[in-house]
Amino acid sequence: MYWEDLAWLSFVVALRAEELGARRPEGVHLEIVSLDFPLTDYRPEVAGLAMDGWLRAEFDLPDIAIACSYAGGADPYAFAWAGAEPPLRSPRS
């Protein structure tokens, strides 16, 4: 797994840690088996978005404004991380 993907996965799990702890006080074990994605226009932030979507579905977590929007232009993707400071800065920023 690419280190940036792991950083984004971990970041989103950390954002959701309090909610996960409340729902599963005994703890949660996450095992990422693979990340499969097309290389065209791939951004490692997408790993974080995928993790948030999975955590929301698996643990019935509320939407906390982790999102991506498309605006076009040189850096067409705008990511929102529920007001948190992202762990990495995209080289496109």
C-alpha atoms as a PDB file:
ATOM      1  CA  MET A   1       0.000   0.000   0.000  1.00  0.00           C
ATOM      2  CA  TYR A   2       1.272   3.458  -0.859  1.00  0.00           C
ATOM      3  CA  TRP A   3       2.221   5.509   2.218  1.00  0.00           C
ATOM      4  CA  GLU A   4      -0.007   8.457   1.260  1.00  0.00           C
ATOM      5  CA  ASP A   5      -3.053   6.187   0.982  1.00  0.00           C
ATOM      6  CA  LEU A   6      -2.296   4.824   4.447  1.00  0.00           C
ATOM      7  CA  ALA A   7      -1.944   8.359   5.834  1.00  0.00           C
ATOM      8  CA  TRP A   8      -5.373   9.337   4.494  1.00  0.00           C
ATOM      9  CA  LEU A   9      -7.014   6.120   5.713  1.00  0.00           C
ATOM     10  CA  SER A  10      -5.562   6.669   9.185  1.00  0.00           C
ATOM     11  CA  PHE A  11      -6.574  10.326   9.197  1.00  0.00           C
ATOM     12  CA  VAL A  12     -10.231   9.528   8.595  1.00  0.00           C
ATOM     13  CA  VAL A  13     -10.265   6.727  11.163  1.00  0.00           C
ATOM     14  CA  ALA A  14      -8.827   9.235  13.657  1.00  0.00           C
ATOM     15  CA  LEU A  15     -11.581  11.733  12.769  1.00  0.00           C
ATOM     16  CA  ARG A  16     -14.139   9.027  13.514  1.00  0.00           C
ATOM     17  CA  ALA A  17     -12.375   7.552  16.588  1.00  0.00           C
ATOM     18  CA  GLU A  18     -14.682   9.070  19.203  1.00  0.00           C
ATOM     19  CA  GLU A  19     -17.818   7.848  17.430  1.00  0.00           C
ATOM     20  CA  LEU A  20     -16.322   4.401  16.833  1.00  0.00           C
ATOM     21  CA  GLY A  21     -15.300   4.154  20.492  1.00  0.00           C
ATOM     22  CA  ALA A  22     -18.826   5.040  21.597  1.00  0.00           C
ATOM     23  CA  ARG A  23     -20.356   2.380  19.344  1.00  0.00           C
ATOM     24  CA  ARG A  24     -17.676  -0.250  19.968  1.00  0.00           C
ATOM     25  CA  PRO A  25     -16.033   0.333  23.373  1.00  0.00           C
ATOM     26  CA  GLU A  26     -14.275  -3.038  23.055  1.00  0.00           C
ATOM     27  CA  GLY A  27     -12.383  -1.628  20.062  1.00  0.00           C
ATOM     28  CA  VAL A  28     -12.414  -2.024  16.311  1.00  0.00           C
ATOM     29  CA  HIS A  29      -9.954  -3.982  14.197  1.00  0.00           C
ATOM     30  CA  LEU A  30      -9.620  -2.718  10.635  1.00  0.00           C
ATOM     31  CA  GLU A  31      -7.730  -4.681   8.036  1.00  0.00           C
ATOM     32  CA  ILE A  32      -7.302  -3.093   4.637  1.00  0.00           C
ATOM     33  CA  VAL A  33      -6.766  -5.903   2.158  1.00  0.00           C
ATOM     34  CA  SER A  34      -6.409  -3.814  -0.978  1.00  0.00           C
ATOM     35  CA  LEU A  35      -7.163  -0.510  -2.614  1.00  0.00           C
ATOM     36  CA  ASP A  36      -8.126  -0.904  -6.238  1.00  0.00           C
ATOM     37  CA  PHE A  37      -8.569   2.200  -8.304  1.00  0.00           C
ATOM     38  CA  PRO A  38      -7.969   3.584 -11.791  1.00  0.00           C
ATOM     39  CA  LEU A  39      -4.763   5.595 -12.025  1.00  0.00           C
ATOM     40  CA  THR A  40      -6.320   8.292 -14.178  1.00  0.00           C
ATOM     41  CA  ASP A  41      -6.768  11.420 -12.051  1.00  0.00           C
ATOM     42  CA  TYR A  42      -6.204   9.437  -8.844  1.00  0.00           C
ATOM     43  CA  ARG A  43      -5.627  11.431  -5.683  1.00  0.00           C
ATOM     44  CA  PRO A  44      -4.601   9.741  -2.418  1.00  0.00           C
ATOM     45  CA  GLU A  45      -7.258  11.776  -0.595  1.00  0.00           C
ATOM     46  CA  VAL A  46      -9.773   9.450  -2.224  1.00  0.00           C
ATOM     47  CA  ALA A  47      -8.607   6.668   0.121  1.00  0.00           C
ATOM     48  CA  GLY A  48      -9.860   8.826   2.995  1.00  0.00           C
ATOM     49  CA  LEU A  49     -13.183   9.407   1.280  1.00  0.00           C
ATOM     50  CA  ALA A  50     -13.568   5.673   0.693  1.00  0.00           C
ATOM     51  CA  MET A  51     -12.768   4.925   4.343  1.00  0.00           C
ATOM     52  CA  ASP A  52     -15.330   7.452   5.539  1.00  0.00           C
ATOM     53  CA  GLY A  53     -17.985   5.960   3.276  1.00  0.00           C
ATOM     54  CA  TRP A  54     -17.250   2.473   4.520  1.00  0.00           C
ATOM     55  CA  LEU A  55     -17.214   3.511   8.194  1.00  0.00           C
ATOM     56  CA  ARG A  56     -20.504   5.350   7.761  1.00  0.00           C
ATOM     57  CA  ALA A  57     -22.159   2.324   6.186  1.00  0.00           C
ATOM     58  CA  GLU A  58     -20.632  -0.288   8.485  1.00  0.00           C
ATOM     59  CA  PHE A  59     -21.170   1.538  11.799  1.00  0.00           C
ATOM     60  CA  ASP A  60     -24.160   3.739  10.917  1.00  0.00           C
ATOM     61  CA  LEU A  61     -22.180   6.935  11.500  1.00  0.00           C
ATOM     62  CA  PRO A  62     -23.609  10.347  10.658  1.00  0.00           C
ATOM     63  CA  ASP A  63     -22.331  12.561   7.863  1.00  0.00           C
ATOM     64  CA  ILE A  64     -19.735  14.974   9.261  1.00  0.00           C
ATOM     65  CA  ALA A  65     -18.975  16.828   6.010  1.00  0.00           C
ATOM     66  CA  ILE A  66     -16.115  14.738   4.692  1.00  0.00           C
ATOM     67  CA  ALA A  67     -16.584  15.295   0.984  1.00  0.00           C
ATOM     68  CA  CYS A  68     -15.139  16.057  -2.416  1.00  0.00           C
ATOM     69  CA  SER A  69     -16.480  18.412  -5.040  1.00  0.00           C
ATOM     70  CA  TYR A  70     -15.421  18.965  -8.624  1.00  0.00           C
ATOM     71  CA  ALA A  71     -14.952  22.474  -9.954  1.00  0.00           C
ATOM     72  CA  GLY A  72     -12.734  21.998 -13.016  1.00  0.00           C
ATOM     73  CA  GLY A  73      -9.552  23.927 -13.677  1.00  0.00           C
ATOM     74  CA  ALA A  74      -5.925  23.096 -12.884  1.00  0.00           C
ATOM     75  CA  ASP A  75      -6.782  21.526  -9.502  1.00  0.00           C
ATOM     76  CA  PRO A  76     -10.375  20.454 -10.064  1.00  0.00           C
ATOM     77  CA  TYR A  77     -11.005  18.603  -6.793  1.00  0.00           C
ATOM     78  CA  ALA A  78     -11.846  20.336  -3.521  1.00  0.00           C
ATOM     79  CA  PHE A  79     -11.813  18.151  -0.429  1.00  0.00           C
ATOM     80  CA  ALA A  80     -13.535  18.927   2.877  1.00  0.00           C
ATOM     81  CA  TRP A  81     -12.461  17.184   6.081  1.00  0.00           C
ATOM     82  CA  ALA A  82     -15.104  18.162   8.630  1.00  0.00           C
ATOM     83  CA  GLY A  83     -13.108  21.247   9.580  1.00  0.00           C
ATOM     84  CA  ALA A  84      -9.985  19.235  10.416  1.00  0.00           C
ATOM     85  CA  GLU A  85      -6.532  20.064   9.097  1.00  0.00           C
ATOM     86  CA  PRO A  86      -5.575  17.416   6.509  1.00  0.00           C
ATOM     87  CA  PRO A  87      -2.478  15.296   7.202  1.00  0.00           C
ATOM     88  CA  LEU A  88      -0.867  16.069   3.839  1.00  0.00           C
ATOM     89  CA  ARG A  89      -0.981  18.850   1.305  1.00  0.00           C
ATOM     90  CA  SER A  90      -1.589  17.884  -2.275  1.00  0.00           C
ATOM     91  CA  PRO A  91       1.295  18.869  -4.557  1.00  0.00           C
ATOM     92  CA  ARG A  92      -1.401  20.440  -6.746  1.00  0.00           C
ATOM     93  CA  SER A  93      -2.300  22.973  -4.022  1.00  0.00           C
END
